Amino acid sequence: MNQTPPGGGPTVLRMILGRQLQALREKAGMSYDQAAAAIYSSSYTIRRMERAEGGLKALTVKSLLMAYGVTDVREIDAFLALARDASKPGWWHSYNDVLPGWFRTFVGLEEAASLIRGYDPHSVPGLLQTPDYALASVRTGFPGAAEDEVQRRVELRLARQHILARPDPPRLWLVLDENTLRRPAATIGQRAPQFI
């Protein structure tokens, strides 16, 4: 079994586990339907597990491992520990009220990254925004949002920045347009869509 990357959050751990389960299924020469039948489930469930969509139940993982011919107790225990860690919610789940589903994977990958590269010609990326800049950006990007929603979005944006202050932070390489740094706060968000 492969080693888990340092700082790997639940998103990355689910991806690793999914890939490893897929490799074991293929090595065992089993189709999705055969794997599903072995654990009294559906091929859709097997596909979702391998694509890292949703949590992974320890009993399901253990049953799959047995169906794939994995019998080493230490290897099974390592998979089950990985499944438990992969099923724990990340810190960003407390922001589900303002975090779009499509962006959750991004935040999870950002959390586990060792290198982040980006290009943004219109605004300062969330990882580098000051509280005032984030507030102006959110207010402009979400003009109809209630004040408590605005504050939650700003909190989320600033919370993402903790990865830059942790031990062994990711390297950050960003290309910004000079005008982005000179643009008055009142015009933030008028030229680009707002994500988080």
C-alpha atoms as a PDB file:
ATOM      1  CA  MET A   1       0.000   0.000   0.000  1.00  0.00           C
ATOM      2  CA  ASN A   2       1.304   3.479  -0.865  1.00  0.00           C
ATOM      3  CA  GLN A   3       2.235   5.983   1.806  1.00  0.00           C
ATOM      4  CA  THR A   4      -0.193   8.784   2.562  1.00  0.00           C
ATOM      5  CA  PRO A   5       1.152  12.220   1.653  1.00  0.00           C
ATOM      6  CA  PRO A   6       1.893  14.523   4.578  1.00  0.00           C
ATOM      7  CA  GLY A   7      -0.957  16.930   5.228  1.00  0.00           C
ATOM      8  CA  GLY A   8      -3.312  14.849   3.103  1.00  0.00           C
ATOM      9  CA  GLY A   9      -6.858  15.869   3.915  1.00  0.00           C
ATOM     10  CA  PRO A  10      -9.945  13.702   3.480  1.00  0.00           C
ATOM     11  CA  THR A  11     -10.352  14.637  -0.203  1.00  0.00           C
ATOM     12  CA  VAL A  12      -6.877  13.434  -1.120  1.00  0.00           C
ATOM     13  CA  LEU A  13      -7.134  10.378   1.126  1.00  0.00           C
ATOM     14  CA  ARG A  14     -10.392   9.340  -0.603  1.00  0.00           C
ATOM     15  CA  MET A  15      -8.665   9.739  -3.966  1.00  0.00           C
ATOM     16  CA  ILE A  16      -5.720   7.615  -2.850  1.00  0.00           C
ATOM     17  CA  LEU A  17      -7.966   4.936  -1.405  1.00  0.00           C
ATOM     18  CA  GLY A  18     -10.174   4.965  -4.507  1.00  0.00           C
ATOM     19  CA  ARG A  19      -7.167   4.515  -6.790  1.00  0.00           C
ATOM     20  CA  GLN A  20      -5.797   1.700  -4.664  1.00  0.00           C
ATOM     21  CA  LEU A  21      -9.147  -0.101  -4.589  1.00  0.00           C
ATOM     22  CA  GLN A  22      -9.399   0.279  -8.370  1.00  0.00           C
ATOM     23  CA  ALA A  23      -5.887  -1.159  -8.809  1.00  0.00           C
ATOM     24  CA  LEU A  24      -6.744  -4.117  -6.552  1.00  0.00           C
ATOM     25  CA  ARG A  25     -10.007  -4.756  -8.414  1.00  0.00           C
ATOM     26  CA  GLU A  26      -8.222  -4.700 -11.766  1.00  0.00           C
ATOM     27  CA  LYS A  27      -5.409  -6.907 -10.447  1.00  0.00           C
ATOM     28  CA  ALA A  28      -8.046  -9.387  -9.254  1.00  0.00           C
ATOM     29  CA  GLY A  29      -9.494  -9.320 -12.783  1.00  0.00           C
ATOM     30  CA  MET A  30     -12.925  -8.264 -11.543  1.00  0.00           C
ATOM     31  CA  SER A  31     -15.411  -6.038 -13.323  1.00  0.00           C
ATOM     32  CA  TYR A  32     -17.479  -3.418 -11.505  1.00  0.00           C
ATOM     33  CA  ASP A  33     -20.425  -5.817 -11.544  1.00  0.00           C
ATOM     34  CA  GLN A  34     -18.391  -8.694 -10.122  1.00  0.00           C
ATOM     35  CA  ALA A  35     -16.953  -6.520  -7.333  1.00  0.00           C
ATOM     36  CA  ALA A  36     -20.426  -5.219  -6.531  1.00  0.00           C
ATOM     37  CA  ALA A  37     -21.881  -8.733  -6.414  1.00  0.00           C
ATOM     38  CA  ALA A  38     -19.113  -9.820  -4.026  1.00  0.00           C
ATOM     39  CA  ILE A  39     -20.235  -7.248  -1.456  1.00  0.00           C
ATOM     40  CA  TYR A  40     -23.972  -7.313  -2.261  1.00  0.00           C
ATOM     41  CA  SER A  41     -23.919  -3.806  -3.660  1.00  0.00           C
ATOM     42  CA  SER A  42     -24.235  -2.055  -7.007  1.00  0.00           C
ATOM     43  CA  SER A  43     -21.619  -1.325  -9.640  1.00  0.00           C
ATOM     44  CA  TYR A  44     -22.530   2.341  -9.141  1.00  0.00           C
ATOM     45  CA  THR A  45     -21.272   2.095  -5.537  1.00  0.00           C
ATOM     46  CA  ILE A  46     -17.975   0.592  -6.680  1.00  0.00           C
ATOM     47  CA  ARG A  47     -17.532   3.333  -9.287  1.00  0.00           C
ATOM     48  CA  ARG A  48     -18.297   6.057  -6.717  1.00  0.00           C
ATOM     49  CA  MET A  49     -15.752   4.608  -4.299  1.00  0.00           C
ATOM     50  CA  GLU A  50     -13.074   4.472  -6.957  1.00  0.00           C
ATOM     51  CA  ARG A  51     -13.852   8.062  -8.022  1.00  0.00           C
ATOM     52  CA  ALA A  52     -13.564   9.263  -4.394  1.00  0.00           C
ATOM     53  CA  GLU A  53     -17.176  10.408  -4.262  1.00  0.00           C
ATOM     54  CA  GLY A  54     -18.435  10.305  -0.699  1.00  0.00           C
ATOM     55  CA  GLY A  55     -17.331   8.569   2.459  1.00  0.00           C
ATOM     56  CA  LEU A  56     -16.098   5.018   2.690  1.00  0.00           C
ATOM     57  CA  LYS A  57     -17.502   2.589   5.229  1.00  0.00           C
ATOM     58  CA  ALA A  58     -14.920   0.367   6.874  1.00  0.00           C
ATOM     59  CA  LEU A  59     -17.047  -2.769   6.484  1.00  0.00           C
ATOM     60  CA  THR A  60     -17.486  -2.127   2.751  1.00  0.00           C
ATOM     61  CA  VAL A  61     -13.758  -1.531   2.278  1.00  0.00           C
ATOM     62  CA  LYS A  62     -12.897  -4.681   4.246  1.00  0.00           C
ATOM     63  CA  SER A  63     -15.371  -6.754   2.218  1.00  0.00           C
ATOM     64  CA  LEU A  64     -13.897  -5.458  -1.023  1.00  0.00           C
ATOM     65  CA  LEU A  65     -10.357  -6.222   0.128  1.00  0.00           C
ATOM     66  CA  MET A  66     -11.367  -9.788   0.929  1.00  0.00           C
ATOM     67  CA  ALA A  67     -13.076 -10.111  -2.463  1.00  0.00           C
ATOM     68  CA  TYR A  68      -9.882  -8.833  -4.112  1.00  0.00           C
ATOM     69  CA  GLY A  69      -7.793 -11.449  -2.311  1.00  0.00           C
ATOM     70  CA  VAL A  70      -6.101  -9.182   0.243  1.00  0.00           C
ATOM     71  CA  THR A  71      -5.524 -11.340   3.330  1.00  0.00           C
ATOM     72  CA  ASP A  72      -2.588  -9.692   5.134  1.00  0.00           C
ATOM     73  CA  VAL A  73      -4.017  -8.337   8.395  1.00  0.00           C
ATOM     74  CA  ARG A  74      -1.556  -5.428   8.483  1.00  0.00           C
ATOM     75  CA  GLU A  75      -2.484  -4.388   4.951  1.00  0.00           C
ATOM     76  CA  ILE A  76      -6.198  -4.621   5.743  1.00  0.00           C
ATOM     77  CA  ASP A  77      -5.688  -2.554   8.919  1.00  0.00           C
ATOM     78  CA  ALA A  78      -3.779   0.085   6.937  1.00  0.00           C
ATOM     79  CA  PHE A  79      -6.618   0.316   4.400  1.00  0.00           C
ATOM     80  CA  LEU A  80      -9.211   0.564   7.187  1.00  0.00           C
ATOM     81  CA  ALA A  81      -7.248   3.337   8.927  1.00  0.00           C
ATOM     82  CA  LEU A  82      -7.037   5.190   5.620  1.00  0.00           C
ATOM     83  CA  ALA A  83     -10.784   4.732   5.097  1.00  0.00           C
ATOM     84  CA  ARG A  84     -11.518   6.124   8.577  1.00  0.00           C
ATOM     85  CA  ASP A  85      -9.311   9.170   7.989  1.00  0.00           C
ATOM     86  CA  ALA A  86     -10.767   9.681   4.518  1.00  0.00           C
ATOM     87  CA  SER A  87     -14.281   9.712   5.946  1.00  0.00           C
ATOM     88  CA  LYS A  88     -13.596  12.460   8.480  1.00  0.00           C
ATOM     89  CA  PRO A  89     -14.875  15.845   7.378  1.00  0.00           C
ATOM     90  CA  GLY A  90     -12.287  18.501   6.573  1.00  0.00           C
ATOM     91  CA  TRP A  91     -12.249  21.840   8.407  1.00  0.00           C
ATOM     92  CA  TRP A  92     -14.074  23.439   5.458  1.00  0.00           C
ATOM     93  CA  HIS A  93     -17.199  21.344   6.044  1.00  0.00           C
ATOM     94  CA  SER A  94     -18.221  23.798   8.749  1.00  0.00           C
ATOM     95  CA  TYR A  95     -18.668  26.288   5.889  1.00  0.00           C
ATOM     96  CA  ASN A  96     -21.071  24.124   3.848  1.00  0.00           C
ATOM     97  CA  ASP A  97     -23.657  26.896   4.099  1.00  0.00           C
ATOM     98  CA  VAL A  98     -21.517  29.141   1.854  1.00  0.00           C
ATOM     99  CA  LEU A  99     -19.221  26.624   0.142  1.00  0.00           C
ATOM    100  CA  PRO A 100     -20.524  25.404  -3.221  1.00  0.00           C
ATOM    101  CA  GLY A 101     -20.285  21.656  -3.733  1.00  0.00           C
ATOM    102  CA  TRP A 102     -18.093  22.029  -6.797  1.00  0.00           C
ATOM    103  CA  PHE A 103     -15.529  24.030  -4.784  1.00  0.00           C
ATOM    104  CA  ARG A 104     -15.184  21.528  -1.893  1.00  0.00           C
ATOM    105  CA  THR A 105     -12.856  19.293  -3.876  1.00  0.00           C
ATOM    106  CA  PHE A 106     -10.706  22.304  -4.757  1.00  0.00           C
ATOM    107  CA  VAL A 107     -10.353  23.313  -1.095  1.00  0.00           C
ATOM    108  CA  GLY A 108      -9.514  19.715  -0.169  1.00  0.00           C
ATOM    109  CA  LEU A 109      -6.823  19.522  -2.834  1.00  0.00           C
ATOM    110  CA  GLU A 110      -5.505  22.965  -1.892  1.00  0.00           C
ATOM    111  CA  GLU A 111      -5.202  21.727   1.703  1.00  0.00           C
ATOM    112  CA  ALA A 112      -2.992  18.819   0.647  1.00  0.00           C
ATOM    113  CA  ALA A 113      -0.956  20.589  -2.046  1.00  0.00           C
ATOM    114  CA  SER A 114       2.799  21.015  -1.834  1.00  0.00           C
ATOM    115  CA  LEU A 115       2.825  23.447  -4.773  1.00  0.00           C
ATOM    116  CA  ILE A 116       0.083  25.829  -5.886  1.00  0.00           C
ATOM    117  CA  ARG A 117       0.348  27.724  -9.149  1.00  0.00           C
ATOM    118  CA  GLY A 118      -2.123  30.186 -10.498  1.00  0.00           C
ATOM    119  CA  TYR A 119      -2.859  33.000 -12.896  1.00  0.00           C
ATOM    120  CA  ASP A 120      -5.403  35.678 -12.164  1.00  0.00           C
ATOM    121  CA  PRO A 121      -5.440  38.838 -14.264  1.00  0.00           C
ATOM    122  CA  HIS A 122      -8.493  40.344 -12.549  1.00  0.00           C
ATOM    123  CA  SER A 123      -8.228  39.963  -8.778  1.00  0.00           C
ATOM    124  CA  VAL A 124      -5.981  38.911  -5.914  1.00  0.00           C
ATOM    125  CA  PRO A 125      -6.524  35.184  -5.265  1.00  0.00           C
ATOM    126  CA  GLY A 126      -8.278  34.220  -2.021  1.00  0.00           C
ATOM    127  CA  LEU A 127      -5.067  32.829  -0.517  1.00  0.00           C
ATOM    128  CA  LEU A 128      -3.525  36.305  -0.559  1.00  0.00           C
ATOM    129  CA  GLN A 129      -6.484  38.536   0.194  1.00  0.00           C
ATOM    130  CA  THR A 130      -6.503  40.853   3.191  1.00  0.00           C
ATOM    131  CA  PRO A 131      -9.689  40.955   5.267  1.00  0.00           C
ATOM    132  CA  ASP A 132     -10.696  44.302   3.720  1.00  0.00           C
ATOM    133  CA  TYR A 133     -10.023  43.084   0.189  1.00  0.00           C
ATOM    134  CA  ALA A 134     -11.955  39.862   0.808  1.00  0.00           C
ATOM    135  CA  LEU A 135     -14.892  41.823   2.224  1.00  0.00           C
ATOM    136  CA  ALA A 136     -14.995  44.172  -0.766  1.00  0.00           C
ATOM    137  CA  SER A 137     -14.673  41.242  -3.159  1.00  0.00           C
ATOM    138  CA  VAL A 138     -17.475  39.235  -1.535  1.00  0.00           C
ATOM    139  CA  ARG A 139     -19.797  42.244  -1.339  1.00  0.00           C
ATOM    140  CA  THR A 140     -19.230  42.977  -5.008  1.00  0.00           C
ATOM    141  CA  GLY A 141     -19.446  39.371  -6.130  1.00  0.00           C
ATOM    142  CA  PHE A 142     -22.543  38.564  -4.061  1.00  0.00           C
ATOM    143  CA  PRO A 143     -24.476  41.840  -4.021  1.00  0.00           C
ATOM    144  CA  GLY A 144     -27.724  40.314  -2.747  1.00  0.00           C
ATOM    145  CA  ALA A 145     -26.139  38.322   0.084  1.00  0.00           C
ATOM    146  CA  ALA A 146     -27.194  38.960   3.672  1.00  0.00           C
ATOM    147  CA  GLU A 147     -24.531  40.414   5.958  1.00  0.00           C
ATOM    148  CA  ASP A 148     -24.076  37.149   7.898  1.00  0.00           C
ATOM    149  CA  GLU A 149     -23.520  35.275   4.616  1.00  0.00           C
ATOM    150  CA  VAL A 150     -20.986  37.898   3.537  1.00  0.00           C
ATOM    151  CA  GLN A 151     -19.111  37.477   6.826  1.00  0.00           C
ATOM    152  CA  ARG A 152     -19.145  33.655   6.499  1.00  0.00           C
ATOM    153  CA  ARG A 153     -17.724  33.892   2.976  1.00  0.00           C
ATOM    154  CA  VAL A 154     -14.979  36.242   4.162  1.00  0.00           C
ATOM    155  CA  GLU A 155     -14.192  33.921   7.100  1.00  0.00           C
ATOM    156  CA  LEU A 156     -13.924  30.961   4.725  1.00  0.00           C
ATOM    157  CA  ARG A 157     -11.643  32.850   2.371  1.00  0.00           C
ATOM    158  CA  LEU A 158      -9.347  33.882   5.194  1.00  0.00           C
ATOM    159  CA  ALA A 159      -9.459  30.416   6.818  1.00  0.00           C
ATOM    160  CA  ARG A 160      -8.062  28.926   3.617  1.00  0.00           C
ATOM    161  CA  GLN A 161      -4.913  30.982   4.184  1.00  0.00           C
ATOM    162  CA  HIS A 162      -3.860  28.878   7.187  1.00  0.00           C
ATOM    163  CA  ILE A 163      -2.058  26.518   4.805  1.00  0.00           C
ATOM    164  CA  LEU A 164       0.517  29.236   4.146  1.00  0.00           C
ATOM    165  CA  ALA A 165       1.424  29.501   7.853  1.00  0.00           C
ATOM    166  CA  ARG A 166       1.524  25.793   8.705  1.00  0.00           C
ATOM    167  CA  PRO A 167       4.764  23.830   9.033  1.00  0.00           C
ATOM    168  CA  ASP A 168       5.949  22.831   5.564  1.00  0.00           C
ATOM    169  CA  PRO A 169       3.525  25.124   3.684  1.00  0.00           C
ATOM    170  CA  PRO A 170       2.943  24.717  -0.040  1.00  0.00           C
ATOM    171  CA  ARG A 171       5.042  26.782  -2.408  1.00  0.00           C
ATOM    172  CA  LEU A 172       2.859  29.411  -4.003  1.00  0.00           C
ATOM    173  CA  TRP A 173       3.526  30.704  -7.528  1.00  0.00           C
ATOM    174  CA  LEU A 174       1.048  33.259  -8.794  1.00  0.00           C
ATOM    175  CA  VAL A 175       0.998  35.532 -11.803  1.00  0.00           C
ATOM    176  CA  LEU A 176      -1.072  38.684 -11.346  1.00  0.00           C
ATOM    177  CA  ASP A 177      -1.690  41.629 -13.598  1.00  0.00           C
ATOM    178  CA  GLU A 178      -0.123  44.791 -12.154  1.00  0.00           C
ATOM    179  CA  ASN A 179      -3.481  46.536 -12.478  1.00  0.00           C
ATOM    180  CA  THR A 180      -4.894  44.012 -10.001  1.00  0.00           C
ATOM    181  CA  LEU A 181      -2.633  45.452  -7.333  1.00  0.00           C
ATOM    182  CA  ARG A 182      -3.509  49.050  -8.236  1.00  0.00           C
ATOM    183  CA  ARG A 183      -7.280  48.624  -8.680  1.00  0.00           C
ATOM    184  CA  PRO A 184      -9.391  50.491  -6.095  1.00  0.00           C
ATOM    185  CA  ALA A 185     -11.343  48.260  -3.719  1.00  0.00           C
ATOM    186  CA  ALA A 186     -14.625  49.732  -4.978  1.00  0.00           C
ATOM    187  CA  THR A 187     -14.120  48.038  -8.356  1.00  0.00           C
ATOM    188  CA  ILE A 188     -13.097  44.629  -7.039  1.00  0.00           C
ATOM    189  CA  GLY A 189     -15.126  41.829  -8.549  1.00  0.00           C
ATOM    190  CA  GLN A 190     -16.678  43.868 -11.369  1.00  0.00           C
ATOM    191  CA  ARG A 191     -14.451  42.325 -14.018  1.00  0.00           C
ATOM    192  CA  ALA A 192     -14.337  38.709 -12.901  1.00  0.00           C
ATOM    193  CA  PRO A 193     -16.709  36.084 -11.558  1.00  0.00           C
ATOM    194  CA  GLN A 194     -16.528  35.437  -7.835  1.00  0.00           C
ATOM    195  CA  PHE A 195     -16.050  31.924  -6.590  1.00  0.00           C
ATOM    196  CA  ILE A 196     -15.219  31.828  -2.891  1.00  0.00           C
END
